């Protein structure tokens, strides 16, 4: 198809959970022929070789700091020398990401099936952003506004659930702001 012309020559998906791996294989079989040029591995991403990876995506929204730090370490220049871009649904810990040679460049929004407002997407590269400023896309404001509207307008939601939703929204905002601050302070010291 026309939309597949700029696609990568090869893609590799890594999933540790066997059930999710089987679902991924079934989904890949249903998609356009281009997707069939991908390899799906039922392996541990922490031990899978990444030496020829140029673009990585990690759906790590529910992973803890320790696992996210280990994932960042697998993206080091030594282990992933061809890497140009890494994206994740949760921030990678600054200490491990910076040592791995990653630099937070942008925070945007990824469409997801679990939230109509989308989910944060953190983009890392090997170079720090111009002027040392992390870009926070306007889409993040729309995501937060959408989450607020959903929590406010859901009449079937209990007060406790609504409070929890607003706390989650506040946590998203705090997390984004903290990441921007930490990385920009790091970039300022590099100059």
N, C-alpha and C. Protein backbone atom coordinates (compact mmCIF):
# COMPACT_ATOMS: atom_id res chain seq x y z
N UNK A 1 0.82 -1.21 0.00
CA UNK A 1 0.00 0.00 0.00
C UNK A 1 0.86 1.26 0.00
N UNK A 2 0.26 2.34 -0.44
CA UNK A 2 0.95 3.63 -0.51
C UNK A 2 1.51 4.04 0.84
N UNK A 3 0.79 3.80 1.92
CA UNK A 3 1.21 4.22 3.26
C UNK A 3 2.42 3.44 3.77
N UNK A 4 2.79 2.35 3.12
CA UNK A 4 3.89 1.52 3.59
C UNK A 4 5.22 1.82 2.92
N UNK A 5 5.28 2.80 2.03
CA UNK A 5 6.49 3.05 1.26
C UNK A 5 7.69 3.47 2.10
N UNK A 6 7.48 4.18 3.19
CA UNK A 6 8.61 4.64 3.99
C UNK A 6 8.83 3.76 5.22
N UNK A 7 8.30 2.58 5.19
CA UNK A 7 8.42 1.67 6.33
C UNK A 7 9.83 1.10 6.41
N UNK A 8 10.22 0.65 7.59
CA UNK A 8 11.55 0.06 7.73
C UNK A 8 11.66 -1.24 6.92
N UNK A 9 12.88 -1.61 6.61
CA UNK A 9 13.08 -2.83 5.84
C UNK A 9 12.79 -4.07 6.66
N UNK A 10 12.86 -3.92 7.99
CA UNK A 10 12.65 -5.07 8.86
C UNK A 10 12.19 -4.57 10.22
N UNK A 11 11.37 -5.33 10.87
CA UNK A 11 10.92 -5.01 12.23
C UNK A 11 10.99 -6.27 13.08
N UNK A 12 11.32 -6.08 14.35
CA UNK A 12 11.38 -7.19 15.29
C UNK A 12 10.58 -6.81 16.52
N UNK A 13 9.68 -7.67 16.91
CA UNK A 13 8.90 -7.47 18.12
C UNK A 13 9.33 -8.47 19.17
N UNK A 14 9.49 -8.01 20.41
CA UNK A 14 9.91 -8.89 21.50
C UNK A 14 8.85 -8.85 22.59
N UNK A 15 8.34 -10.00 22.94
CA UNK A 15 7.32 -10.11 24.00
C UNK A 15 7.68 -11.30 24.88
N UNK A 16 7.80 -11.04 26.16
CA UNK A 16 8.15 -12.08 27.12
C UNK A 16 6.98 -13.04 27.37
N UNK A 17 5.77 -12.50 27.49
CA UNK A 17 4.60 -13.31 27.82
C UNK A 17 4.16 -14.13 26.60
N UNK A 18 4.07 -15.43 26.76
CA UNK A 18 3.73 -16.32 25.65
C UNK A 18 2.34 -16.02 25.08
N UNK A 19 1.36 -15.76 25.94
CA UNK A 19 0.01 -15.49 25.45
C UNK A 19 -0.02 -14.22 24.60
N UNK A 20 0.66 -13.17 25.04
CA UNK A 20 0.70 -11.93 24.25
C UNK A 20 1.47 -12.14 22.95
N UNK A 21 2.50 -12.96 23.00
CA UNK A 21 3.27 -13.27 21.80
C UNK A 21 2.38 -13.94 20.75
N UNK A 22 1.55 -14.89 21.17
CA UNK A 22 0.64 -15.58 20.25
C UNK A 22 -0.36 -14.58 19.66
N UNK A 23 -0.88 -13.68 20.48
CA UNK A 23 -1.81 -12.65 19.99
C UNK A 23 -1.10 -11.79 18.94
N UNK A 24 0.14 -11.41 19.19
CA UNK A 24 0.90 -10.59 18.23
C UNK A 24 1.09 -11.33 16.91
N UNK A 25 1.37 -12.61 16.97
CA UNK A 25 1.54 -13.40 15.74
C UNK A 25 0.24 -13.43 14.93
N UNK A 26 -0.88 -13.59 15.61
CA UNK A 26 -2.18 -13.61 14.91
C UNK A 26 -2.49 -12.25 14.30
N UNK A 27 -2.20 -11.18 15.03
CA UNK A 27 -2.44 -9.83 14.51
C UNK A 27 -1.55 -9.56 13.30
N UNK A 28 -0.30 -9.94 13.37
CA UNK A 28 0.62 -9.71 12.26
C UNK A 28 0.16 -10.44 11.00
N UNK A 29 -0.41 -11.61 11.16
CA UNK A 29 -0.88 -12.39 10.01
C UNK A 29 -2.05 -11.71 9.31
N UNK A 30 -2.78 -10.86 10.02
CA UNK A 30 -3.95 -10.18 9.44
C UNK A 30 -3.61 -8.87 8.74
N UNK A 31 -2.42 -8.32 9.01
CA UNK A 31 -2.07 -7.00 8.50
C UNK A 31 -1.46 -7.05 7.11
N UNK A 32 -1.19 -5.88 6.56
CA UNK A 32 -0.66 -5.77 5.20
C UNK A 32 0.64 -6.56 5.04
N UNK A 33 1.00 -6.93 3.83
CA UNK A 33 2.19 -7.73 3.60
C UNK A 33 3.46 -7.15 4.20
N UNK A 34 3.54 -5.86 4.31
CA UNK A 34 4.74 -5.24 4.87
C UNK A 34 5.00 -5.73 6.29
N UNK A 35 3.96 -5.86 7.07
CA UNK A 35 4.11 -6.28 8.45
C UNK A 35 4.62 -7.72 8.52
N UNK A 36 4.38 -8.49 7.50
CA UNK A 36 4.88 -9.86 7.49
C UNK A 36 6.40 -9.90 7.38
N UNK A 37 7.02 -8.76 7.13
CA UNK A 37 8.48 -8.67 7.10
C UNK A 37 9.03 -8.46 8.50
N UNK A 38 8.25 -8.77 9.48
CA UNK A 38 8.72 -8.61 10.85
C UNK A 38 8.89 -9.97 11.50
N UNK A 39 9.75 -9.98 12.47
CA UNK A 39 10.02 -11.17 13.25
C UNK A 39 9.47 -10.93 14.65
N UNK A 40 8.72 -11.87 15.15
CA UNK A 40 8.17 -11.76 16.49
C UNK A 40 8.86 -12.79 17.38
N UNK A 41 9.49 -12.30 18.42
CA UNK A 41 10.26 -13.16 19.32
C UNK A 41 9.57 -13.28 20.67
N UNK A 42 9.50 -14.47 21.18
CA UNK A 42 8.98 -14.73 22.52
C UNK A 42 10.20 -14.84 23.44
N UNK A 43 10.77 -13.66 23.76
CA UNK A 43 12.03 -13.59 24.50
C UNK A 43 11.98 -12.46 25.52
N UNK A 44 13.03 -12.38 26.29
CA UNK A 44 13.22 -11.32 27.28
C UNK A 44 13.98 -10.17 26.62
N UNK A 45 13.40 -9.00 26.60
CA UNK A 45 14.03 -7.85 25.95
C UNK A 45 15.37 -7.50 26.62
N UNK A 46 15.55 -7.88 27.86
CA UNK A 46 16.80 -7.57 28.56
C UNK A 46 17.98 -8.41 28.05
N UNK A 47 17.67 -9.52 27.38
CA UNK A 47 18.74 -10.38 26.87
C UNK A 47 18.72 -10.52 25.35
N UNK A 48 17.75 -9.91 24.69
CA UNK A 48 17.67 -9.98 23.24
C UNK A 48 18.70 -9.03 22.63
N UNK A 49 19.52 -9.49 21.69
CA UNK A 49 20.51 -8.59 21.06
C UNK A 49 19.83 -7.43 20.33
N UNK A 50 20.33 -6.22 20.55
CA UNK A 50 19.79 -5.02 19.91
C UNK A 50 20.84 -4.34 19.03
N UNK A 51 21.88 -5.07 18.65
CA UNK A 51 23.01 -4.47 17.95
C UNK A 51 22.66 -3.82 16.62
N UNK A 52 21.60 -4.26 15.93
CA UNK A 52 21.24 -3.63 14.66
C UNK A 52 19.93 -2.82 14.75
N UNK A 53 19.41 -2.62 15.95
CA UNK A 53 18.15 -1.87 16.13
C UNK A 53 18.40 -0.38 15.89
N UNK A 54 17.54 0.24 15.10
CA UNK A 54 17.65 1.69 14.85
C UNK A 54 16.52 2.47 15.53
N UNK A 55 15.38 1.82 15.73
CA UNK A 55 14.22 2.45 16.38
C UNK A 55 13.62 1.45 17.35
N UNK A 56 13.41 1.87 18.60
CA UNK A 56 12.83 0.99 19.60
C UNK A 56 11.58 1.63 20.20
N UNK A 57 10.58 0.82 20.43
CA UNK A 57 9.38 1.24 21.15
C UNK A 57 9.17 0.28 22.30
N UNK A 58 8.91 0.80 23.48
CA UNK A 58 8.68 -0.03 24.65
C UNK A 58 7.39 0.43 25.34
N UNK A 59 6.42 -0.48 25.43
CA UNK A 59 5.18 -0.18 26.13
C UNK A 59 5.40 -0.55 27.60
N UNK A 60 6.03 0.37 28.32
CA UNK A 60 6.47 0.13 29.70
C UNK A 60 5.65 0.91 30.73
N UNK A 61 4.41 1.24 30.39
CA UNK A 61 3.59 2.08 31.26
C UNK A 61 3.41 1.51 32.66
N UNK A 62 3.43 0.20 32.80
CA UNK A 62 3.19 -0.39 34.13
C UNK A 62 4.46 -1.01 34.73
N UNK A 63 5.60 -0.78 34.11
CA UNK A 63 6.85 -1.31 34.65
C UNK A 63 7.33 -0.42 35.79
N UNK A 64 8.05 -0.98 36.73
CA UNK A 64 8.62 -0.22 37.83
C UNK A 64 9.95 0.40 37.45
N UNK A 65 10.49 1.23 38.35
CA UNK A 65 11.75 1.94 38.12
C UNK A 65 12.90 0.98 37.82
N UNK A 66 12.97 -0.13 38.55
CA UNK A 66 14.08 -1.06 38.37
C UNK A 66 14.08 -1.66 36.97
N UNK A 67 12.92 -2.14 36.53
CA UNK A 67 12.83 -2.72 35.19
C UNK A 67 13.05 -1.66 34.12
N UNK A 68 12.48 -0.47 34.30
CA UNK A 68 12.70 0.60 33.32
C UNK A 68 14.17 0.98 33.25
N UNK A 69 14.86 0.98 34.38
CA UNK A 69 16.29 1.27 34.37
C UNK A 69 17.08 0.20 33.63
N UNK A 70 16.70 -1.06 33.84
CA UNK A 70 17.37 -2.16 33.13
C UNK A 70 17.12 -2.06 31.63
N UNK A 71 15.90 -1.67 31.24
CA UNK A 71 15.59 -1.51 29.82
C UNK A 71 16.44 -0.38 29.23
N UNK A 72 16.54 0.73 29.94
CA UNK A 72 17.39 1.83 29.46
C UNK A 72 18.83 1.36 29.27
N UNK A 73 19.32 0.56 30.18
CA UNK A 73 20.69 0.05 30.09
C UNK A 73 20.90 -0.82 28.86
N UNK A 74 19.86 -1.54 28.41
CA UNK A 74 20.00 -2.37 27.21
C UNK A 74 20.14 -1.52 25.95
N UNK A 75 19.82 -0.24 26.06
CA UNK A 75 19.89 0.66 24.90
C UNK A 75 21.20 1.44 24.86
N UNK A 76 22.18 1.01 25.61
CA UNK A 76 23.47 1.71 25.64
C UNK A 76 24.11 1.69 24.26
N UNK A 77 25.05 2.58 24.04
CA UNK A 77 25.75 2.63 22.76
C UNK A 77 26.49 1.33 22.48
N UNK A 78 26.96 0.67 23.52
CA UNK A 78 27.68 -0.60 23.35
C UNK A 78 26.73 -1.73 22.93
N UNK A 79 25.52 -1.75 23.50
CA UNK A 79 24.58 -2.84 23.22
C UNK A 79 23.66 -2.54 22.03
N UNK A 80 23.43 -1.26 21.73
CA UNK A 80 22.56 -0.86 20.62
C UNK A 80 23.25 0.26 19.83
N UNK A 81 24.38 -0.04 19.18
CA UNK A 81 25.17 1.01 18.52
C UNK A 81 24.48 1.71 17.36
N UNK A 82 23.52 1.06 16.71
CA UNK A 82 22.83 1.67 15.57
C UNK A 82 21.60 2.47 15.98
N UNK A 83 21.25 2.43 17.25
CA UNK A 83 20.02 3.07 17.73
C UNK A 83 20.02 4.57 17.46
N UNK A 84 18.93 5.05 16.86
CA UNK A 84 18.74 6.48 16.62
C UNK A 84 17.62 7.05 17.49
N UNK A 85 16.55 6.27 17.67
CA UNK A 85 15.38 6.74 18.43
C UNK A 85 14.85 5.60 19.30
N UNK A 86 14.50 5.94 20.53
CA UNK A 86 13.81 5.01 21.43
C UNK A 86 12.60 5.74 21.98
N UNK A 87 11.47 5.08 21.97
CA UNK A 87 10.26 5.67 22.53
C UNK A 87 9.70 4.73 23.59
N UNK A 88 9.04 5.32 24.58
CA UNK A 88 8.46 4.52 25.66
C UNK A 88 7.23 5.23 26.21
N UNK A 89 6.33 4.44 26.78
CA UNK A 89 5.10 4.99 27.33
C UNK A 89 5.26 5.47 28.76
N UNK A 90 6.39 5.20 29.35
CA UNK A 90 6.75 5.75 30.67
C UNK A 90 8.19 6.23 30.55
N UNK A 91 8.56 7.23 31.33
CA UNK A 91 9.92 7.72 31.22
C UNK A 91 10.93 6.68 31.69
N UNK A 92 12.08 6.68 31.04
CA UNK A 92 13.19 5.84 31.48
C UNK A 92 13.93 6.61 32.55
N UNK A 93 14.37 5.94 33.62
CA UNK A 93 15.06 6.66 34.70
C UNK A 93 16.28 7.42 34.17
N UNK A 94 16.36 8.68 34.54
CA UNK A 94 17.41 9.56 34.04
C UNK A 94 18.80 8.96 34.25
N UNK A 95 19.08 8.43 35.42
CA UNK A 95 20.43 7.93 35.72
C UNK A 95 20.86 6.86 34.72
N UNK A 96 20.01 5.88 34.46
CA UNK A 96 20.37 4.82 33.54
C UNK A 96 20.29 5.28 32.08
N UNK A 97 19.29 6.08 31.76
CA UNK A 97 19.13 6.54 30.38
C UNK A 97 20.31 7.41 29.95
N UNK A 98 20.72 8.33 30.79
CA UNK A 98 21.83 9.22 30.42
C UNK A 98 23.14 8.45 30.30
N UNK A 99 23.38 7.49 31.20
CA UNK A 99 24.59 6.66 31.10
C UNK A 99 24.57 5.82 29.83
N UNK A 100 23.38 5.39 29.40
CA UNK A 100 23.24 4.61 28.18
C UNK A 100 23.41 5.45 26.92
N UNK A 101 23.57 6.76 27.09
CA UNK A 101 23.74 7.64 25.94
C UNK A 101 22.43 8.08 25.31
N UNK A 102 21.35 8.00 26.10
CA UNK A 102 20.04 8.45 25.62
C UNK A 102 19.80 9.88 26.10
N UNK A 103 19.03 10.63 25.33
CA UNK A 103 18.68 12.00 25.70
C UNK A 103 17.20 12.21 25.42
N UNK A 104 16.45 12.62 26.45
CA UNK A 104 15.03 12.91 26.24
C UNK A 104 14.91 14.12 25.33
N UNK A 105 14.17 13.94 24.23
CA UNK A 105 14.01 15.01 23.26
C UNK A 105 12.60 15.57 23.21
N UNK A 106 11.62 14.70 23.42
CA UNK A 106 10.22 15.12 23.22
C UNK A 106 9.29 14.28 24.07
N UNK A 107 8.21 14.91 24.50
CA UNK A 107 7.10 14.20 25.15
C UNK A 107 5.87 14.49 24.31
N UNK A 108 5.22 13.44 23.85
CA UNK A 108 4.03 13.60 23.02
C UNK A 108 2.96 12.61 23.48
N UNK A 109 2.03 12.30 22.61
CA UNK A 109 0.91 11.43 22.95
C UNK A 109 0.80 10.32 21.92
N UNK A 110 0.55 9.13 22.42
CA UNK A 110 0.38 7.95 21.58
C UNK A 110 -1.08 7.50 21.68
N UNK A 111 -1.76 7.29 20.56
CA UNK A 111 -3.11 6.72 20.64
C UNK A 111 -3.02 5.30 21.19
N UNK A 112 -3.89 4.98 22.13
CA UNK A 112 -3.89 3.65 22.74
C UNK A 112 -5.32 3.13 22.86
N UNK A 113 -5.46 1.83 23.04
CA UNK A 113 -6.81 1.26 23.13
C UNK A 113 -7.39 1.32 24.54
N UNK A 114 -6.60 1.72 25.53
CA UNK A 114 -7.12 1.75 26.90
C UNK A 114 -7.53 3.15 27.36
N UNK A 115 -7.32 4.16 26.51
CA UNK A 115 -7.73 5.51 26.87
C UNK A 115 -8.04 6.30 25.61
N UNK A 116 -9.23 6.85 25.54
CA UNK A 116 -9.61 7.65 24.39
C UNK A 116 -8.80 8.93 24.27
N UNK A 117 -8.14 9.33 25.33
CA UNK A 117 -7.33 10.56 25.32
C UNK A 117 -5.89 10.29 24.91
N UNK A 118 -5.51 9.03 24.81
CA UNK A 118 -4.14 8.68 24.48
C UNK A 118 -3.30 8.49 25.74
N UNK A 119 -2.01 8.29 25.52
CA UNK A 119 -1.08 8.07 26.63
C UNK A 119 0.23 8.77 26.29
N UNK A 120 0.95 9.19 27.31
CA UNK A 120 2.22 9.88 27.08
C UNK A 120 3.19 8.98 26.32
N UNK A 121 4.00 9.61 25.48
CA UNK A 121 5.05 8.93 24.73
C UNK A 121 6.32 9.75 24.90
N UNK A 122 7.35 9.11 25.42
CA UNK A 122 8.65 9.76 25.65
C UNK A 122 9.59 9.36 24.53
N UNK A 123 10.19 10.36 23.87
CA UNK A 123 11.09 10.10 22.74
C UNK A 123 12.52 10.45 23.15
N UNK A 124 13.40 9.47 23.00
CA UNK A 124 14.82 9.63 23.31
C UNK A 124 15.63 9.47 22.03
N UNK A 125 16.71 10.18 21.95
CA UNK A 125 17.65 10.03 20.85
C UNK A 125 19.06 10.00 21.41
N UNK A 126 20.03 9.97 20.53
CA UNK A 126 21.43 9.98 20.97
C UNK A 126 21.95 11.40 21.16
N UNK A 127 21.26 12.37 20.61
CA UNK A 127 21.66 13.77 20.73
C UNK A 127 20.69 14.52 21.62
N UNK A 128 21.21 15.45 22.40
CA UNK A 128 20.32 16.28 23.21
C UNK A 128 19.56 17.22 22.28
N UNK A 129 18.39 17.68 22.69
CA UNK A 129 17.61 18.56 21.81
C UNK A 129 18.30 19.92 21.64
N UNK A 130 17.95 20.58 20.56
CA UNK A 130 18.51 21.92 20.29
C UNK A 130 18.24 22.83 21.48
N UNK A 131 19.19 23.63 21.81
CA UNK A 131 19.09 24.58 22.92
C UNK A 131 18.87 23.91 24.28
N UNK A 132 18.96 22.58 24.33
CA UNK A 132 18.79 21.87 25.60
C UNK A 132 17.38 21.89 26.13
N UNK A 133 16.40 22.12 25.27
CA UNK A 133 15.00 22.20 25.70
C UNK A 133 14.21 21.00 25.20
N UNK A 134 13.58 20.29 26.13
CA UNK A 134 12.73 19.16 25.78
C UNK A 134 11.42 19.72 25.23
N UNK A 135 11.00 19.23 24.08
CA UNK A 135 9.73 19.65 23.49
C UNK A 135 8.59 18.87 24.13
N UNK A 136 7.59 19.60 24.60
CA UNK A 136 6.37 18.97 25.11
C UNK A 136 5.26 19.35 24.14
N UNK A 137 4.82 18.37 23.36
CA UNK A 137 3.82 18.63 22.32
C UNK A 137 2.52 19.15 22.92
N UNK A 138 1.85 19.99 22.14
CA UNK A 138 0.54 20.51 22.55
C UNK A 138 -0.46 19.38 22.75
N UNK A 139 -0.22 18.26 22.09
CA UNK A 139 -1.11 17.10 22.23
C UNK A 139 -1.19 16.63 23.68
N UNK A 140 -0.14 16.88 24.47
CA UNK A 140 -0.20 16.46 25.87
C UNK A 140 -1.26 17.26 26.63
N UNK A 141 -1.41 18.54 26.30
CA UNK A 141 -2.46 19.36 26.91
C UNK A 141 -3.84 18.83 26.54
N UNK A 142 -4.01 18.45 25.27
CA UNK A 142 -5.28 17.88 24.82
C UNK A 142 -5.56 16.55 25.53
N UNK A 143 -4.51 15.75 25.73
CA UNK A 143 -4.66 14.48 26.43
C UNK A 143 -5.16 14.73 27.86
N UNK A 144 -4.50 15.65 28.57
CA UNK A 144 -4.89 15.96 29.95
C UNK A 144 -6.32 16.51 29.99
N UNK A 145 -6.64 17.43 29.08
CA UNK A 145 -8.00 17.98 29.03
C UNK A 145 -9.04 16.88 28.77
N UNK A 146 -8.72 15.95 27.87
CA UNK A 146 -9.63 14.85 27.57
C UNK A 146 -9.83 13.94 28.77
N UNK A 147 -8.75 13.69 29.49
CA UNK A 147 -8.85 12.86 30.70
C UNK A 147 -9.71 13.56 31.74
N UNK A 148 -9.53 14.87 31.89
CA UNK A 148 -10.35 15.62 32.86
C UNK A 148 -11.83 15.59 32.48
N UNK A 149 -12.10 15.80 31.17
CA UNK A 149 -13.50 15.78 30.71
C UNK A 149 -14.12 14.41 30.97
N UNK A 150 -13.38 13.36 30.69
CA UNK A 150 -13.90 12.02 30.90
C UNK A 150 -14.21 11.77 32.37
N UNK A 151 -13.29 12.15 33.25
CA UNK A 151 -13.50 11.95 34.69
C UNK A 151 -14.65 12.80 35.20
N UNK A 152 -14.78 14.01 34.71
CA UNK A 152 -15.84 14.92 35.17
C UNK A 152 -17.20 14.52 34.64
N UNK A 153 -17.24 13.98 33.42
CA UNK A 153 -18.52 13.74 32.76
C UNK A 153 -19.07 12.34 32.92
N UNK A 154 -18.35 11.45 33.57
CA UNK A 154 -18.81 10.07 33.71
C UNK A 154 -19.71 9.96 34.94
N UNK A 155 -21.02 9.98 34.70
CA UNK A 155 -21.99 9.94 35.80
C UNK A 155 -22.05 8.59 36.50
N UNK A 156 -21.53 7.55 35.86
CA UNK A 156 -21.53 6.22 36.48
C UNK A 156 -20.32 6.02 37.38
N UNK A 157 -19.39 6.95 37.37
CA UNK A 157 -18.17 6.83 38.18
C UNK A 157 -18.47 7.24 39.62
N UNK A 158 -18.01 6.45 40.56
CA UNK A 158 -18.19 6.80 41.97
C UNK A 158 -17.27 7.97 42.32
N UNK A 159 -17.55 8.63 43.42
CA UNK A 159 -16.70 9.74 43.85
C UNK A 159 -15.27 9.27 44.10
N UNK A 160 -15.12 8.09 44.66
CA UNK A 160 -13.78 7.54 44.90
C UNK A 160 -13.05 7.31 43.58
N UNK A 161 -13.75 6.74 42.61
CA UNK A 161 -13.15 6.51 41.29
C UNK A 161 -12.78 7.82 40.61
N UNK A 162 -13.65 8.81 40.74
CA UNK A 162 -13.39 10.12 40.15
C UNK A 162 -12.15 10.74 40.80
N UNK A 163 -12.07 10.67 42.14
CA UNK A 163 -10.90 11.19 42.85
C UNK A 163 -9.63 10.50 42.38
N UNK A 164 -9.71 9.17 42.20
CA UNK A 164 -8.54 8.42 41.73
C UNK A 164 -8.16 8.84 40.31
N UNK A 165 -9.15 9.10 39.48
CA UNK A 165 -8.88 9.54 38.11
C UNK A 165 -8.17 10.89 38.11
N UNK A 166 -8.63 11.80 38.97
CA UNK A 166 -7.98 13.11 39.03
C UNK A 166 -6.57 13.01 39.62
N UNK A 167 -6.36 12.07 40.54
CA UNK A 167 -5.01 11.87 41.07
C UNK A 167 -4.09 11.32 39.98
N UNK A 168 -4.61 10.44 39.13
CA UNK A 168 -3.83 9.89 38.02
C UNK A 168 -3.46 11.01 37.04
N UNK A 169 -4.40 11.88 36.78
CA UNK A 169 -4.14 13.01 35.88
C UNK A 169 -3.04 13.91 36.47
N UNK A 170 -3.16 14.21 37.76
CA UNK A 170 -2.14 15.02 38.42
C UNK A 170 -0.77 14.34 38.36
N UNK A 171 -0.76 13.01 38.50
CA UNK A 171 0.49 12.26 38.44
C UNK A 171 1.11 12.34 37.05
N UNK A 172 0.30 12.28 35.99
CA UNK A 172 0.80 12.44 34.63
C UNK A 172 1.47 13.80 34.46
N UNK A 173 0.79 14.83 34.93
CA UNK A 173 1.33 16.19 34.80
C UNK A 173 2.64 16.31 35.56
N UNK A 174 2.66 15.83 36.80
CA UNK A 174 3.87 15.90 37.62
C UNK A 174 5.01 15.12 36.99
N UNK A 175 4.70 13.94 36.47
CA UNK A 175 5.73 13.11 35.85
C UNK A 175 6.35 13.81 34.64
N UNK A 176 5.51 14.38 33.78
CA UNK A 176 6.04 15.10 32.61
C UNK A 176 6.88 16.29 33.03
N UNK A 177 6.37 17.08 33.96
CA UNK A 177 7.11 18.26 34.42
C UNK A 177 8.44 17.88 35.06
N UNK A 178 8.45 16.81 35.87
CA UNK A 178 9.68 16.37 36.53
C UNK A 178 10.71 15.90 35.51
N UNK A 179 10.26 15.17 34.48
CA UNK A 179 11.18 14.71 33.44
C UNK A 179 11.80 15.87 32.68
N UNK A 180 10.97 16.83 32.30
CA UNK A 180 11.48 18.00 31.58
C UNK A 180 12.50 18.73 32.44
N UNK A 181 12.17 18.96 33.70
CA UNK A 181 13.08 19.69 34.60
C UNK A 181 14.41 18.96 34.77
N UNK A 182 14.35 17.67 35.05
CA UNK A 182 15.56 16.90 35.29
C UNK A 182 16.48 16.87 34.07
N UNK A 183 15.89 16.62 32.90
CA UNK A 183 16.71 16.56 31.69
C UNK A 183 17.25 17.92 31.30
N UNK A 184 16.43 18.96 31.41
CA UNK A 184 16.92 20.30 31.03
C UNK A 184 18.01 20.79 31.98
N UNK A 185 17.93 20.44 33.25
CA UNK A 185 19.01 20.77 34.18
C UNK A 185 20.29 20.03 33.79
N UNK A 186 20.15 18.78 33.38
CA UNK A 186 21.29 17.98 32.91
C UNK A 186 21.91 18.62 31.66
N UNK A 187 21.08 19.01 30.71
CA UNK A 187 21.58 19.62 29.49
C UNK A 187 22.29 20.94 29.78
N UNK A 188 21.77 21.71 30.73
CA UNK A 188 22.39 23.00 31.09
C UNK A 188 23.78 22.80 31.67
N UNK A 189 23.98 21.71 32.41
CA UNK A 189 25.30 21.42 32.99
C UNK A 189 26.29 20.97 31.93
N UNK A 190 25.80 20.40 30.83
CA UNK A 190 26.67 19.91 29.76
C UNK A 190 27.33 21.03 28.98
N UNK A 191 26.71 22.19 28.98
CA UNK A 191 27.19 23.30 28.14
C UNK A 191 28.47 23.89 28.65
